[in-house]
Amino acid sequence: MTAVTHETVTGPVKLVKMANQMGDFFKSYPEADGVEGIREHIAKFWNKKMREELFAYIDATPDSGLTPLVAKAIAKLR
């Protein structure tokens, strides 16, 4: 049996997927509210390591896969 590590569960591609799922939730909100909702959730509930891993992935990957709404929230978070 293979042990599941933290990196396996929350690698950068998984983090992008999780962030985009938040974007799906907030896409029916006015844009400014959606951006702030995503930013606030990541700031409150993602630990520093998760945020830094996502930022590093975005910086290293021209097409990281973030939706436009999520990309705006991440930019505001930084």
PDB file of N, CA and C in Angstrom:
ATOM      1  N   MET A   1       0.841  -1.173   0.000  1.00  0.00           N
ATOM      2  CA  MET A   1       0.000   0.000   0.000  1.00  0.00           C
ATOM      3  C   MET A   1       0.888   1.239   0.000  1.00  0.00           C
ATOM      4  N   THR A   2       0.570   2.193  -0.844  1.00  0.00           N
ATOM      5  CA  THR A   2       1.339   3.419  -0.954  1.00  0.00           C
ATOM      6  C   THR A   2       0.788   4.471  -0.008  1.00  0.00           C
ATOM      7  N   ALA A   3       1.694   5.116   0.708  1.00  0.00           N
ATOM      8  CA  ALA A   3       1.276   6.190   1.613  1.00  0.00           C
ATOM      9  C   ALA A   3       0.909   7.431   0.806  1.00  0.00           C
ATOM     10  N   VAL A   4      -0.111   8.116   1.234  1.00  0.00           N
ATOM     11  CA  VAL A   4      -0.518   9.354   0.589  1.00  0.00           C
ATOM     12  C   VAL A   4       0.168  10.493   1.324  1.00  0.00           C
ATOM     13  N   THR A   5       0.924  11.273   0.582  1.00  0.00           N
ATOM     14  CA  THR A   5       1.613  12.402   1.199  1.00  0.00           C
ATOM     15  C   THR A   5       0.815  13.669   0.985  1.00  0.00           C
ATOM     16  N   HIS A   6       1.153  14.690   1.753  1.00  0.00           N
ATOM     17  CA  HIS A   6       0.499  16.001   1.613  1.00  0.00           C
ATOM     18  C   HIS A   6       0.648  16.509   0.182  1.00  0.00           C
ATOM     19  N   GLU A   7       1.838  16.346  -0.414  1.00  0.00           N
ATOM     20  CA  GLU A   7       2.077  16.817  -1.766  1.00  0.00           C
ATOM     21  C   GLU A   7       1.193  16.090  -2.781  1.00  0.00           C
ATOM     22  N   THR A   8       0.930  14.816  -2.548  1.00  0.00           N
ATOM     23  CA  THR A   8       0.085  14.047  -3.457  1.00  0.00           C
ATOM     24  C   THR A   8      -1.336  14.604  -3.459  1.00  0.00           C
ATOM     25  N   VAL A   9      -1.809  14.975  -2.306  1.00  0.00           N
ATOM     26  CA  VAL A   9      -3.174  15.446  -2.169  1.00  0.00           C
ATOM     27  C   VAL A   9      -3.321  16.882  -2.627  1.00  0.00           C
ATOM     28  N   THR A  10      -2.340  17.732  -2.347  1.00  0.00           N
ATOM     29  CA  THR A  10      -2.489  19.148  -2.647  1.00  0.00           C
ATOM     30  C   THR A  10      -1.365  19.675  -3.535  1.00  0.00           C
ATOM     31  N   GLY A  11      -0.982  18.929  -4.540  1.00  0.00           N
ATOM     32  CA  GLY A  11      -0.003  19.433  -5.486  1.00  0.00           C
ATOM     33  C   GLY A  11      -0.562  20.648  -6.210  1.00  0.00           C
ATOM     34  N   PRO A  12       0.275  21.330  -6.977  1.00  0.00           N
ATOM     35  CA  PRO A  12      -0.164  22.569  -7.614  1.00  0.00           C
ATOM     36  C   PRO A  12      -1.347  22.405  -8.566  1.00  0.00           C
ATOM     37  N   VAL A  13      -1.416  21.315  -9.279  1.00  0.00           N
ATOM     38  CA  VAL A  13      -2.552  21.105 -10.185  1.00  0.00           C
ATOM     39  C   VAL A  13      -3.834  20.941  -9.379  1.00  0.00           C
ATOM     40  N   LYS A  14      -3.752  20.252  -8.246  1.00  0.00           N
ATOM     41  CA  LYS A  14      -4.905  20.099  -7.357  1.00  0.00           C
ATOM     42  C   LYS A  14      -5.315  21.449  -6.775  1.00  0.00           C
ATOM     43  N   LEU A  15      -4.340  22.273  -6.428  1.00  0.00           N
ATOM     44  CA  LEU A  15      -4.645  23.594  -5.885  1.00  0.00           C
ATOM     45  C   LEU A  15      -5.357  24.464  -6.924  1.00  0.00           C
ATOM     46  N   VAL A  16      -4.910  24.393  -8.167  1.00  0.00           N
ATOM     47  CA  VAL A  16      -5.591  25.126  -9.238  1.00  0.00           C
ATOM     48  C   VAL A  16      -7.026  24.630  -9.370  1.00  0.00           C
ATOM     49  N   LYS A  17      -7.199  23.325  -9.327  1.00  0.00           N
ATOM     50  CA  LYS A  17      -8.547  22.762  -9.428  1.00  0.00           C
ATOM     51  C   LYS A  17      -9.429  23.248  -8.279  1.00  0.00           C
ATOM     52  N   MET A  18      -8.887  23.241  -7.069  1.00  0.00           N
ATOM     53  CA  MET A  18      -9.648  23.694  -5.906  1.00  0.00           C
ATOM     54  C   MET A  18     -10.017  25.175  -6.043  1.00  0.00           C
ATOM     55  N   ALA A  19      -9.064  25.992  -6.471  1.00  0.00           N
ATOM     56  CA  ALA A  19      -9.323  27.420  -6.648  1.00  0.00           C
ATOM     57  C   ALA A  19     -10.388  27.643  -7.721  1.00  0.00           C
ATOM     58  N   ASN A  20     -10.302  26.902  -8.809  1.00  0.00           N
ATOM     59  CA  ASN A  20     -11.298  27.040  -9.880  1.00  0.00           C
ATOM     60  C   ASN A  20     -12.682  26.577  -9.429  1.00  0.00           C
ATOM     61  N   GLN A  21     -12.745  25.607  -8.529  1.00  0.00           N
ATOM     62  CA  GLN A  21     -14.038  25.195  -7.984  1.00  0.00           C
ATOM     63  C   GLN A  21     -14.658  26.335  -7.181  1.00  0.00           C
ATOM     64  N   MET A  22     -13.819  27.062  -6.450  1.00  0.00           N
ATOM     65  CA  MET A  22     -14.331  28.255  -5.757  1.00  0.00           C
ATOM     66  C   MET A  22     -14.835  29.261  -6.780  1.00  0.00           C
ATOM     67  N   GLY A  23     -14.096  29.413  -7.862  1.00  0.00           N
ATOM     68  CA  GLY A  23     -14.509  30.320  -8.925  1.00  0.00           C
ATOM     69  C   GLY A  23     -15.848  29.930  -9.503  1.00  0.00           C
ATOM     70  N   ASP A  24     -16.071  28.628  -9.663  1.00  0.00           N
ATOM     71  CA  ASP A  24     -17.373  28.158 -10.161  1.00  0.00           C
ATOM     72  C   ASP A  24     -18.493  28.567  -9.210  1.00  0.00           C
ATOM     73  N   PHE A  25     -18.226  28.477  -7.910  1.00  0.00           N
ATOM     74  CA  PHE A  25     -19.227  28.860  -6.921  1.00  0.00           C
ATOM     75  C   PHE A  25     -19.540  30.355  -7.020  1.00  0.00           C
ATOM     76  N   PHE A  26     -18.508  31.166  -7.150  1.00  0.00           N
ATOM     77  CA  PHE A  26     -18.678  32.617  -7.115  1.00  0.00           C
ATOM     78  C   PHE A  26     -18.982  33.257  -8.468  1.00  0.00           C
ATOM     79  N   LYS A  27     -19.019  32.485  -9.549  1.00  0.00           N
ATOM     80  CA  LYS A  27     -19.198  33.100 -10.863  1.00  0.00           C
ATOM     81  C   LYS A  27     -20.567  33.756 -11.054  1.00  0.00           C
ATOM     82  N   SER A  28     -21.554  33.406 -10.262  1.00  0.00           N
ATOM     83  CA  SER A  28     -22.868  34.037 -10.381  1.00  0.00           C
ATOM     84  C   SER A  28     -22.964  35.328  -9.564  1.00  0.00           C
ATOM     85  N   TYR A  29     -21.951  35.612  -8.769  1.00  0.00           N
ATOM     86  CA  TYR A  29     -21.906  36.837  -7.973  1.00  0.00           C
ATOM     87  C   TYR A  29     -21.430  37.994  -8.855  1.00  0.00           C
ATOM     88  N   PRO A  30     -21.698  39.227  -8.457  1.00  0.00           N
ATOM     89  CA  PRO A  30     -21.047  40.349  -9.146  1.00  0.00           C
ATOM     90  C   PRO A  30     -19.531  40.129  -9.084  1.00  0.00           C
ATOM     91  N   GLU A  31     -18.829  40.502 -10.148  1.00  0.00           N
ATOM     92  CA  GLU A  31     -17.401  40.170 -10.248  1.00  0.00           C
ATOM     93  C   GLU A  31     -16.600  40.593  -9.013  1.00  0.00           C
ATOM     94  N   ALA A  32     -16.777  41.810  -8.548  1.00  0.00           N
ATOM     95  CA  ALA A  32     -15.998  42.288  -7.402  1.00  0.00           C
ATOM     96  C   ALA A  32     -16.260  41.437  -6.157  1.00  0.00           C
ATOM     97  N   ASP A  33     -17.499  41.020  -5.964  1.00  0.00           N
ATOM     98  CA  ASP A  33     -17.838  40.167  -4.823  1.00  0.00           C
ATOM     99  C   ASP A  33     -17.231  38.778  -4.975  1.00  0.00           C
ATOM    100  N   GLY A  34     -17.248  38.257  -6.189  1.00  0.00           N
ATOM    101  CA  GLY A  34     -16.656  36.946  -6.442  1.00  0.00           C
ATOM    102  C   GLY A  34     -15.158  36.944  -6.210  1.00  0.00           C
ATOM    103  N   VAL A  35     -14.487  37.966  -6.733  1.00  0.00           N
ATOM    104  CA  VAL A  35     -13.039  38.080  -6.538  1.00  0.00           C
ATOM    105  C   VAL A  35     -12.720  38.149  -5.045  1.00  0.00           C
ATOM    106  N   GLU A  36     -13.453  38.981  -4.324  1.00  0.00           N
ATOM    107  CA  GLU A  36     -13.203  39.128  -2.885  1.00  0.00           C
ATOM    108  C   GLU A  36     -13.537  37.838  -2.132  1.00  0.00           C
ATOM    109  N   GLY A  37     -14.582  37.146  -2.516  1.00  0.00           N
ATOM    110  CA  GLY A  37     -14.936  35.889  -1.861  1.00  0.00           C
ATOM    111  C   GLY A  37     -13.859  34.835  -2.020  1.00  0.00           C
ATOM    112  N   ILE A  38     -13.323  34.728  -3.219  1.00  0.00           N
ATOM    113  CA  ILE A  38     -12.245  33.759  -3.475  1.00  0.00           C
ATOM    114  C   ILE A  38     -10.990  34.161  -2.703  1.00  0.00           C
ATOM    115  N   ARG A  39     -10.630  35.439  -2.795  1.00  0.00           N
ATOM    116  CA  ARG A  39      -9.443  35.932  -2.097  1.00  0.00           C
ATOM    117  C   ARG A  39      -9.546  35.678  -0.596  1.00  0.00           C
ATOM    118  N   GLU A  40     -10.698  36.007  -0.044  1.00  0.00           N
ATOM    119  CA  GLU A  40     -10.905  35.850   1.397  1.00  0.00           C
ATOM    120  C   GLU A  40     -10.823  34.382   1.818  1.00  0.00           C
ATOM    121  N   HIS A  41     -11.440  33.495   1.040  1.00  0.00           N
ATOM    122  CA  HIS A  41     -11.423  32.070   1.380  1.00  0.00           C
ATOM    123  C   HIS A  41      -9.994  31.530   1.373  1.00  0.00           C
ATOM    124  N   ILE A  42      -9.240  31.846   0.332  1.00  0.00           N
ATOM    125  CA  ILE A  42      -7.861  31.345   0.251  1.00  0.00           C
ATOM    126  C   ILE A  42      -7.027  31.921   1.394  1.00  0.00           C
ATOM    127  N   ALA A  43      -7.202  33.203   1.687  1.00  0.00           N
ATOM    128  CA  ALA A  43      -6.441  33.832   2.771  1.00  0.00           C
ATOM    129  C   ALA A  43      -6.764  33.198   4.127  1.00  0.00           C
ATOM    130  N   LYS A  44      -8.020  32.852   4.345  1.00  0.00           N
ATOM    131  CA  LYS A  44      -8.439  32.310   5.641  1.00  0.00           C
ATOM    132  C   LYS A  44      -8.167  30.816   5.807  1.00  0.00           C
ATOM    133  N   PHE A  45      -8.383  30.061   4.743  1.00  0.00           N
ATOM    134  CA  PHE A  45      -8.419  28.612   4.903  1.00  0.00           C
ATOM    135  C   PHE A  45      -7.271  27.845   4.268  1.00  0.00           C
ATOM    136  N   TRP A  46      -6.482  28.472   3.434  1.00  0.00           N
ATOM    137  CA  TRP A  46      -5.318  27.795   2.863  1.00  0.00           C
ATOM    138  C   TRP A  46      -4.106  28.199   3.697  1.00  0.00           C
ATOM    139  N   ASN A  47      -3.295  27.221   4.046  1.00  0.00           N
ATOM    140  CA  ASN A  47      -2.104  27.556   4.823  1.00  0.00           C
ATOM    141  C   ASN A  47      -1.054  28.196   3.910  1.00  0.00           C
ATOM    142  N   LYS A  48      -0.042  28.750   4.552  1.00  0.00           N
ATOM    143  CA  LYS A  48       0.998  29.486   3.814  1.00  0.00           C
ATOM    144  C   LYS A  48       1.659  28.605   2.752  1.00  0.00           C
ATOM    145  N   LYS A  49       1.928  27.358   3.083  1.00  0.00           N
ATOM    146  CA  LYS A  49       2.580  26.455   2.134  1.00  0.00           C
ATOM    147  C   LYS A  49       1.721  26.255   0.887  1.00  0.00           C
ATOM    148  N   MET A  50       0.431  26.101   1.067  1.00  0.00           N
ATOM    149  CA  MET A  50      -0.470  25.926  -0.079  1.00  0.00           C
ATOM    150  C   MET A  50      -0.464  27.173  -0.963  1.00  0.00           C
ATOM    151  N   ARG A  51      -0.550  28.343  -0.332  1.00  0.00           N
ATOM    152  CA  ARG A  51      -0.553  29.588  -1.104  1.00  0.00           C
ATOM    153  C   ARG A  51       0.758  29.764  -1.859  1.00  0.00           C
ATOM    154  N   GLU A  52       1.869  29.527  -1.180  1.00  0.00           N
ATOM    155  CA  GLU A  52       3.176  29.673  -1.829  1.00  0.00           C
ATOM    156  C   GLU A  52       3.359  28.680  -2.970  1.00  0.00           C
ATOM    157  N   GLU A  53       2.867  27.466  -2.797  1.00  0.00           N
ATOM    158  CA  GLU A  53       2.958  26.451  -3.857  1.00  0.00           C
ATOM    159  C   GLU A  53       2.137  26.888  -5.077  1.00  0.00           C
ATOM    160  N   LEU A  54       0.966  27.435  -4.829  1.00  0.00           N
ATOM    161  CA  LEU A  54       0.138  27.922  -5.933  1.00  0.00           C
ATOM    162  C   LEU A  54       0.812  29.097  -6.632  1.00  0.00           C
ATOM    163  N   PHE A  55       1.334  30.052  -5.869  1.00  0.00           N
ATOM    164  CA  PHE A  55       2.006  31.215  -6.467  1.00  0.00           C
ATOM    165  C   PHE A  55       3.197  30.784  -7.316  1.00  0.00           C
ATOM    166  N   ALA A  56       4.005  29.857  -6.807  1.00  0.00           N
ATOM    167  CA  ALA A  56       5.182  29.378  -7.542  1.00  0.00           C
ATOM    168  C   ALA A  56       4.761  28.693  -8.845  1.00  0.00           C
ATOM    169  N   TYR A  57       3.708  27.900  -8.773  1.00  0.00           N
ATOM    170  CA  TYR A  57       3.217  27.213  -9.969  1.00  0.00           C
ATOM    171  C   TYR A  57       2.724  28.217 -11.013  1.00  0.00           C
ATOM    172  N   ILE A  58       1.970  29.209 -10.567  1.00  0.00           N
ATOM    173  CA  ILE A  58       1.460  30.234 -11.484  1.00  0.00           C
ATOM    174  C   ILE A  58       2.623  30.980 -12.138  1.00  0.00           C
ATOM    175  N   ASP A  59       3.629  31.325 -11.351  1.00  0.00           N
ATOM    176  CA  ASP A  59       4.787  32.050 -11.878  1.00  0.00           C
ATOM    177  C   ASP A  59       5.563  31.226 -12.893  1.00  0.00           C
ATOM    178  N   ALA A  60       5.620  29.917 -12.695  1.00  0.00           N
ATOM    179  CA  ALA A  60       6.413  29.039 -13.563  1.00  0.00           C
ATOM    180  C   ALA A  60       5.631  28.484 -14.746  1.00  0.00           C
ATOM    181  N   THR A  61       4.317  28.657 -14.737  1.00  0.00           N
ATOM    182  CA  THR A  61       3.476  28.027 -15.750  1.00  0.00           C
ATOM    183  C   THR A  61       2.651  29.091 -16.460  1.00  0.00           C
ATOM    184  N   PRO A  62       3.027  29.442 -17.701  1.00  0.00           N
ATOM    185  CA  PRO A  62       2.301  30.507 -18.412  1.00  0.00           C
ATOM    186  C   PRO A  62       0.786  30.280 -18.478  1.00  0.00           C
ATOM    187  N   ASP A  63       0.372  29.059 -18.739  1.00  0.00           N
ATOM    188  CA  ASP A  63      -1.057  28.755 -18.767  1.00  0.00           C
ATOM    189  C   ASP A  63      -1.359  27.831 -17.598  1.00  0.00           C
ATOM    190  N   SER A  64      -1.498  28.430 -16.418  1.00  0.00           N
ATOM    191  CA  SER A  64      -1.674  27.639 -15.196  1.00  0.00           C
ATOM    192  C   SER A  64      -3.042  26.970 -15.122  1.00  0.00           C
ATOM    193  N   GLY A  65      -3.995  27.445 -15.922  1.00  0.00           N
ATOM    194  CA  GLY A  65      -5.324  26.864 -15.912  1.00  0.00           C
ATOM    195  C   GLY A  65      -6.305  27.591 -15.015  1.00  0.00           C
ATOM    196  N   LEU A  66      -5.865  28.664 -14.356  1.00  0.00           N
ATOM    197  CA  LEU A  66      -6.796  29.425 -13.531  1.00  0.00           C
ATOM    198  C   LEU A  66      -7.825  30.129 -14.409  1.00  0.00           C
ATOM    199  N   THR A  67      -9.058  30.151 -13.954  1.00  0.00           N
ATOM    200  CA  THR A  67     -10.078  30.915 -14.657  1.00  0.00           C
ATOM    201  C   THR A  67      -9.799  32.399 -14.436  1.00  0.00           C
ATOM    202  N   PRO A  68     -10.315  33.269 -15.297  1.00  0.00           N
ATOM    203  CA  PRO A  68     -10.052  34.706 -15.145  1.00  0.00           C
ATOM    204  C   PRO A  68     -10.471  35.265 -13.783  1.00  0.00           C
ATOM    205  N   LEU A  69     -11.616  34.833 -13.259  1.00  0.00           N
ATOM    206  CA  LEU A  69     -12.082  35.317 -11.970  1.00  0.00           C
ATOM    207  C   LEU A  69     -11.109  34.923 -10.855  1.00  0.00           C
ATOM    208  N   VAL A  70     -10.657  33.696 -10.887  1.00  0.00           N
ATOM    209  CA  VAL A  70      -9.714  33.210  -9.876  1.00  0.00           C
ATOM    210  C   VAL A  70      -8.366  33.912 -10.023  1.00  0.00           C
ATOM    211  N   ALA A  71      -7.927  34.116 -11.250  1.00  0.00           N
ATOM    212  CA  ALA A  71      -6.650  34.815 -11.479  1.00  0.00           C
ATOM    213  C   ALA A  71      -6.690  36.218 -10.875  1.00  0.00           C
ATOM    214  N   LYS A  72      -7.828  36.892 -11.001  1.00  0.00           N
ATOM    215  CA  LYS A  72      -7.972  38.230 -10.402  1.00  0.00           C
ATOM    216  C   LYS A  72      -7.900  38.149  -8.883  1.00  0.00           C
ATOM    217  N   ALA A  73      -8.536  37.141  -8.310  1.00  0.00           N
ATOM    218  CA  ALA A  73      -8.498  36.977  -6.851  1.00  0.00           C
ATOM    219  C   ALA A  73      -7.090  36.685  -6.363  1.00  0.00           C
ATOM    220  N   ILE A  74      -6.365  35.850  -7.085  1.00  0.00           N
ATOM    221  CA  ILE A  74      -5.004  35.519  -6.704  1.00  0.00           C
ATOM    222  C   ILE A  74      -4.117  36.756  -6.794  1.00  0.00           C
ATOM    223  N   ALA A  75      -4.288  37.541  -7.841  1.00  0.00           N
ATOM    224  CA  ALA A  75      -3.506  38.772  -7.979  1.00  0.00           C
ATOM    225  C   ALA A  75      -3.765  39.720  -6.814  1.00  0.00           C
ATOM    226  N   LYS A  76      -5.010  39.804  -6.394  1.00  0.00           N
ATOM    227  CA  LYS A  76      -5.369  40.662  -5.266  1.00  0.00           C
ATOM    228  C   LYS A  76      -4.823  40.108  -3.958  1.00  0.00           C
ATOM    229  N   LEU A  77      -4.775  38.807  -3.830  1.00  0.00           N
ATOM    230  CA  LEU A  77      -4.274  38.153  -2.630  1.00  0.00           C
ATOM    231  C   LEU A  77      -2.783  38.408  -2.443  1.00  0.00           C
ATOM    232  N   ARG A  78      -2.058  38.407  -3.536  1.00  0.00           N
ATOM    233  CA  ARG A  78      -0.605  38.588  -3.468  1.00  0.00           C
ATOM    234  C   ARG A  78      -0.291  39.963  -2.976  1.00  0.00           C
TER     235      ARG A  78
END
